Amino acid sequence: MSHFSHHVFFCTNQRAEGEACCNNHGANDMRAYAKDRVKALGDKLPGRIRINAAGCLDRCEQGPVMVIYPEAVWYTYIDKEDIDEIIDQHLVQGRIVERLQVA
C-alpha cells in the first residue's frame, strides 16, 4: 500500500507578464485552500491525501489545472466551490467530477 491514497498536484507555475499560466488564476491560493480543507476533513477521507504544488503541467490553455493520482484525472476549476466539489466527490466519494474534468 502506498503511503498516500492520493496525490493532488496543482499547477502553480508563473510565466512572464502577459503569458497564460495557472498562477494568473489564483492557483497558489486554491492549492492552499485545498490543503486546509483536506486537513480539516481528517478522518472523513479514505486514506492520507497529499496536496502538492507543481511547476508547469503543460496544459496552460486549459488552466488553471490540477491532476489527481493514482487515477490520473485532470481538472480545471474557477473558485473554492469547484475545489470543494472535487474534494467531496473525487477524494471523499471516489467519483469523477465530469463537469470539471479536462480531457
N, C-alpha and C. Protein backbone atom coordinates (compact mmCIF):
# COMPACT_ATOMS: atom_id res chain seq x y z
N MET A 1 0.83 -1.18 0.00
CA MET A 1 0.00 0.00 0.00
C MET A 1 0.88 1.25 0.00
N SER A 2 0.47 2.23 -0.75
CA SER A 2 1.19 3.49 -0.84
C SER A 2 1.03 4.29 0.45
N HIS A 3 1.99 5.13 0.72
CA HIS A 3 1.92 5.99 1.91
C HIS A 3 0.72 6.94 1.84
N PHE A 4 0.40 7.40 0.63
CA PHE A 4 -0.75 8.28 0.41
C PHE A 4 -1.75 7.57 -0.51
N SER A 5 -3.02 7.76 -0.24
CA SER A 5 -4.03 7.19 -1.14
C SER A 5 -4.16 8.02 -2.41
N HIS A 6 -3.92 9.34 -2.30
CA HIS A 6 -4.00 10.24 -3.44
C HIS A 6 -2.93 11.33 -3.34
N HIS A 7 -2.43 11.69 -4.49
CA HIS A 7 -1.57 12.87 -4.62
C HIS A 7 -2.32 13.84 -5.53
N VAL A 8 -2.46 15.07 -5.07
CA VAL A 8 -3.15 16.11 -5.84
C VAL A 8 -2.11 17.17 -6.19
N PHE A 9 -1.88 17.35 -7.48
CA PHE A 9 -0.89 18.33 -7.94
C PHE A 9 -1.60 19.52 -8.57
N PHE A 10 -1.35 20.69 -8.00
CA PHE A 10 -1.86 21.95 -8.55
C PHE A 10 -0.74 22.60 -9.33
N CYS A 11 -0.97 22.89 -10.61
CA CYS A 11 -0.01 23.69 -11.35
C CYS A 11 -0.03 25.09 -10.75
N THR A 12 1.12 25.54 -10.28
CA THR A 12 1.24 26.88 -9.69
C THR A 12 2.28 27.70 -10.45
N ASN A 13 2.51 27.32 -11.69
CA ASN A 13 3.52 27.98 -12.49
C ASN A 13 3.18 29.44 -12.75
N GLN A 14 4.21 30.28 -12.69
CA GLN A 14 4.07 31.70 -13.02
C GLN A 14 4.95 32.00 -14.20
N ARG A 15 4.35 32.39 -15.31
CA ARG A 15 5.10 32.76 -16.51
C ARG A 15 5.32 34.27 -16.55
N ALA A 16 6.06 34.70 -17.54
CA ALA A 16 6.32 36.13 -17.72
C ALA A 16 5.02 36.88 -17.96
N GLU A 17 5.04 38.15 -17.67
CA GLU A 17 3.89 39.03 -17.84
C GLU A 17 3.26 38.85 -19.22
N GLY A 18 1.95 38.65 -19.22
CA GLY A 18 1.21 38.53 -20.47
C GLY A 18 1.07 37.12 -21.00
N GLU A 19 1.82 36.17 -20.45
CA GLU A 19 1.73 34.78 -20.91
C GLU A 19 0.73 34.02 -20.03
N ALA A 20 -0.04 33.13 -20.65
CA ALA A 20 -1.03 32.33 -19.92
C ALA A 20 -0.32 31.40 -18.95
N CYS A 21 -0.85 31.34 -17.73
CA CYS A 21 -0.32 30.40 -16.74
C CYS A 21 -1.35 30.22 -15.63
N CYS A 22 -1.25 29.11 -14.94
CA CYS A 22 -2.22 28.78 -13.91
C CYS A 22 -2.19 29.76 -12.73
N ASN A 23 -1.02 30.24 -12.38
CA ASN A 23 -0.97 31.13 -11.22
C ASN A 23 -1.67 32.46 -11.47
N ASN A 24 -1.86 32.84 -12.74
CA ASN A 24 -2.64 34.04 -13.03
C ASN A 24 -4.10 33.87 -12.63
N HIS A 25 -4.51 32.64 -12.38
CA HIS A 25 -5.89 32.33 -11.98
C HIS A 25 -5.99 31.99 -10.50
N GLY A 26 -5.00 32.36 -9.72
CA GLY A 26 -5.03 32.12 -8.28
C GLY A 26 -4.71 30.71 -7.85
N ALA A 27 -3.90 30.00 -8.61
CA ALA A 27 -3.60 28.60 -8.32
C ALA A 27 -2.96 28.40 -6.95
N ASN A 28 -2.05 29.28 -6.55
CA ASN A 28 -1.43 29.13 -5.23
C ASN A 28 -2.45 29.24 -4.12
N ASP A 29 -3.36 30.18 -4.25
CA ASP A 29 -4.40 30.35 -3.23
C ASP A 29 -5.34 29.15 -3.20
N MET A 30 -5.70 28.62 -4.35
CA MET A 30 -6.59 27.46 -4.40
C MET A 30 -5.91 26.21 -3.85
N ARG A 31 -4.61 26.08 -4.09
CA ARG A 31 -3.86 24.95 -3.52
C ARG A 31 -3.84 25.05 -2.00
N ALA A 32 -3.59 26.24 -1.48
CA ALA A 32 -3.59 26.43 -0.03
C ALA A 32 -4.97 26.14 0.57
N TYR A 33 -6.01 26.58 -0.13
CA TYR A 33 -7.37 26.31 0.32
C TYR A 33 -7.64 24.80 0.36
N ALA A 34 -7.25 24.09 -0.70
CA ALA A 34 -7.46 22.64 -0.77
C ALA A 34 -6.68 21.93 0.35
N LYS A 35 -5.48 22.37 0.60
CA LYS A 35 -4.66 21.78 1.65
C LYS A 35 -5.33 21.94 3.01
N ASP A 36 -5.83 23.13 3.29
CA ASP A 36 -6.52 23.38 4.56
C ASP A 36 -7.80 22.56 4.66
N ARG A 37 -8.53 22.48 3.56
CA ARG A 37 -9.80 21.73 3.56
C ARG A 37 -9.57 20.25 3.78
N VAL A 38 -8.56 19.67 3.12
CA VAL A 38 -8.25 18.25 3.30
C VAL A 38 -7.80 17.99 4.74
N LYS A 39 -7.01 18.88 5.28
CA LYS A 39 -6.56 18.74 6.67
C LYS A 39 -7.76 18.77 7.62
N ALA A 40 -8.70 19.67 7.37
CA ALA A 40 -9.88 19.79 8.23
C ALA A 40 -10.78 18.55 8.14
N LEU A 41 -10.83 17.91 6.99
CA LEU A 41 -11.67 16.72 6.83
C LEU A 41 -11.12 15.51 7.59
N GLY A 42 -9.81 15.45 7.73
CA GLY A 42 -9.17 14.41 8.52
C GLY A 42 -9.67 13.01 8.29
N ASP A 43 -10.30 12.42 9.30
CA ASP A 43 -10.74 11.03 9.28
C ASP A 43 -11.88 10.75 8.30
N LYS A 44 -12.50 11.77 7.77
CA LYS A 44 -13.58 11.56 6.80
C LYS A 44 -13.03 11.15 5.44
N LEU A 45 -11.72 11.27 5.26
CA LEU A 45 -11.08 10.93 3.99
C LEU A 45 -10.66 9.47 3.99
N PRO A 46 -10.77 8.82 2.84
CA PRO A 46 -10.39 7.41 2.74
C PRO A 46 -8.89 7.24 2.53
N GLY A 47 -8.10 7.53 3.53
CA GLY A 47 -6.65 7.43 3.43
C GLY A 47 -6.00 8.81 3.49
N ARG A 48 -4.69 8.80 3.48
CA ARG A 48 -3.93 10.06 3.53
C ARG A 48 -3.87 10.67 2.15
N ILE A 49 -4.05 11.98 2.10
CA ILE A 49 -4.04 12.71 0.83
C ILE A 49 -2.99 13.80 0.91
N ARG A 50 -2.20 13.90 -0.13
CA ARG A 50 -1.14 14.90 -0.19
C ARG A 50 -1.50 15.94 -1.24
N ILE A 51 -1.55 17.21 -0.84
CA ILE A 51 -1.79 18.32 -1.76
C ILE A 51 -0.43 18.94 -2.08
N ASN A 52 -0.07 18.95 -3.36
CA ASN A 52 1.25 19.41 -3.78
C ASN A 52 1.16 20.57 -4.76
N ALA A 53 2.18 21.42 -4.72
CA ALA A 53 2.36 22.44 -5.75
C ALA A 53 3.25 21.82 -6.83
N ALA A 54 2.96 22.14 -8.06
CA ALA A 54 3.77 21.65 -9.18
C ALA A 54 4.15 22.83 -10.06
N GLY A 55 5.25 22.66 -10.76
CA GLY A 55 5.61 23.62 -11.79
C GLY A 55 4.66 23.43 -12.96
N CYS A 56 5.04 23.90 -14.10
CA CYS A 56 4.17 23.83 -15.27
C CYS A 56 3.80 22.40 -15.60
N LEU A 57 2.50 22.16 -15.72
CA LEU A 57 1.99 20.84 -16.11
C LEU A 57 1.66 20.81 -17.61
N ASP A 58 2.01 21.88 -18.32
CA ASP A 58 1.92 21.96 -19.78
C ASP A 58 0.49 21.85 -20.31
N ARG A 59 -0.46 22.44 -19.57
CA ARG A 59 -1.85 22.49 -20.03
C ARG A 59 -2.37 23.91 -19.85
N CYS A 60 -1.53 24.88 -20.12
CA CYS A 60 -1.83 26.29 -19.87
C CYS A 60 -3.14 26.74 -20.50
N GLU A 61 -3.42 26.25 -21.69
CA GLU A 61 -4.63 26.67 -22.39
C GLU A 61 -5.90 26.19 -21.71
N GLN A 62 -5.80 25.23 -20.80
CA GLN A 62 -6.95 24.70 -20.09
C GLN A 62 -6.94 25.11 -18.62
N GLY A 63 -6.04 25.98 -18.25
CA GLY A 63 -5.81 26.33 -16.86
C GLY A 63 -6.85 27.22 -16.24
N PRO A 64 -6.82 27.24 -14.95
CA PRO A 64 -5.89 26.52 -14.09
C PRO A 64 -6.21 25.04 -14.06
N VAL A 65 -5.17 24.23 -13.83
CA VAL A 65 -5.38 22.79 -13.81
C VAL A 65 -4.77 22.16 -12.56
N MET A 66 -5.32 20.99 -12.26
CA MET A 66 -4.78 20.12 -11.21
C MET A 66 -4.95 18.70 -11.71
N VAL A 67 -4.15 17.78 -11.16
CA VAL A 67 -4.27 16.37 -11.54
C VAL A 67 -4.22 15.54 -10.26
N ILE A 68 -5.06 14.51 -10.22
CA ILE A 68 -5.13 13.64 -9.05
C ILE A 68 -4.65 12.25 -9.43
N TYR A 69 -3.66 11.77 -8.68
CA TYR A 69 -3.14 10.41 -8.86
C TYR A 69 -3.52 9.59 -7.64
N PRO A 70 -3.78 8.29 -7.80
CA PRO A 70 -3.28 7.45 -8.87
C PRO A 70 -4.19 7.37 -10.10
N GLU A 71 -5.36 7.98 -10.07
CA GLU A 71 -6.28 7.85 -11.21
C GLU A 71 -5.85 8.65 -12.43
N ALA A 72 -4.97 9.62 -12.27
CA ALA A 72 -4.52 10.49 -13.36
C ALA A 72 -5.70 11.25 -13.98
N VAL A 73 -6.54 11.80 -13.12
CA VAL A 73 -7.70 12.59 -13.56
C VAL A 73 -7.32 14.06 -13.48
N TRP A 74 -7.50 14.76 -14.60
CA TRP A 74 -7.19 16.18 -14.70
C TRP A 74 -8.46 17.00 -14.52
N TYR A 75 -8.32 18.10 -13.77
CA TYR A 75 -9.44 19.01 -13.54
C TYR A 75 -9.02 20.45 -13.79
N THR A 76 -10.00 21.25 -14.15
CA THR A 76 -9.87 22.69 -14.11
C THR A 76 -10.83 23.18 -13.04
N TYR A 77 -10.70 24.42 -12.63
CA TYR A 77 -11.54 24.97 -11.56
C TYR A 77 -11.58 26.48 -11.69
N ILE A 78 -12.60 27.07 -11.09
CA ILE A 78 -12.74 28.53 -11.11
C ILE A 78 -12.60 29.11 -9.70
N ASP A 79 -13.21 28.44 -8.73
CA ASP A 79 -13.30 29.03 -7.39
C ASP A 79 -13.29 27.94 -6.31
N LYS A 80 -13.45 28.37 -5.07
CA LYS A 80 -13.43 27.44 -3.93
C LYS A 80 -14.56 26.42 -4.00
N GLU A 81 -15.68 26.81 -4.58
CA GLU A 81 -16.79 25.86 -4.71
C GLU A 81 -16.41 24.70 -5.62
N ASP A 82 -15.67 24.98 -6.68
CA ASP A 82 -15.18 23.91 -7.55
C ASP A 82 -14.20 23.01 -6.80
N ILE A 83 -13.31 23.60 -6.04
CA ILE A 83 -12.35 22.81 -5.25
C ILE A 83 -13.11 21.94 -4.25
N ASP A 84 -14.11 22.52 -3.58
CA ASP A 84 -14.92 21.74 -2.64
C ASP A 84 -15.58 20.55 -3.34
N GLU A 85 -16.11 20.78 -4.52
CA GLU A 85 -16.78 19.71 -5.25
C GLU A 85 -15.79 18.60 -5.63
N ILE A 86 -14.61 18.96 -6.05
CA ILE A 86 -13.59 17.96 -6.39
C ILE A 86 -13.19 17.16 -5.16
N ILE A 87 -12.99 17.84 -4.05
CA ILE A 87 -12.63 17.14 -2.81
C ILE A 87 -13.76 16.23 -2.36
N ASP A 88 -14.97 16.76 -2.30
CA ASP A 88 -16.11 15.97 -1.81
C ASP A 88 -16.45 14.80 -2.71
N GLN A 89 -16.43 15.03 -4.02
CA GLN A 89 -16.83 13.98 -4.94
C GLN A 89 -15.68 13.00 -5.24
N HIS A 90 -14.54 13.53 -5.64
CA HIS A 90 -13.45 12.65 -6.07
C HIS A 90 -12.71 12.04 -4.89
N LEU A 91 -12.25 12.87 -3.97
CA LEU A 91 -11.41 12.36 -2.89
C LEU A 91 -12.19 11.64 -1.80
N VAL A 92 -13.37 12.13 -1.47
CA VAL A 92 -14.16 11.50 -0.40
C VAL A 92 -15.00 10.35 -0.94
N GLN A 93 -15.72 10.60 -2.05
CA GLN A 93 -16.67 9.61 -2.53
C GLN A 93 -16.16 8.75 -3.69
N GLY A 94 -15.01 9.10 -4.25
CA GLY A 94 -14.43 8.30 -5.31
C GLY A 94 -15.10 8.44 -6.67
N ARG A 95 -15.78 9.56 -6.89
CA ARG A 95 -16.47 9.80 -8.17
C ARG A 95 -15.82 10.96 -8.91
N ILE A 96 -15.62 10.78 -10.20
CA ILE A 96 -15.03 11.84 -11.03
C ILE A 96 -16.06 12.95 -11.23
N VAL A 97 -15.61 14.18 -11.12
CA VAL A 97 -16.46 15.35 -11.36
C VAL A 97 -16.35 15.68 -12.84
N GLU A 98 -17.24 15.12 -13.62
CA GLU A 98 -17.14 15.22 -15.08
C GLU A 98 -17.20 16.65 -15.59
N ARG A 99 -18.01 17.52 -14.95
CA ARG A 99 -18.14 18.88 -15.47
C ARG A 99 -16.86 19.69 -15.36
N LEU A 100 -15.94 19.28 -14.47
CA LEU A 100 -14.67 19.98 -14.29
C LEU A 100 -13.49 19.21 -14.89
N GLN A 101 -13.74 18.03 -15.38
CA GLN A 101 -12.67 17.19 -15.92
C GLN A 101 -12.13 17.76 -17.22
N VAL A 102 -10.82 17.70 -17.36
CA VAL A 102 -10.12 18.12 -18.56
C VAL A 102 -9.71 16.85 -19.29
N ALA A 103 -10.07 16.77 -20.56
CA ALA A 103 -9.74 15.56 -21.34
C ALA A 103 -8.29 15.56 -21.75
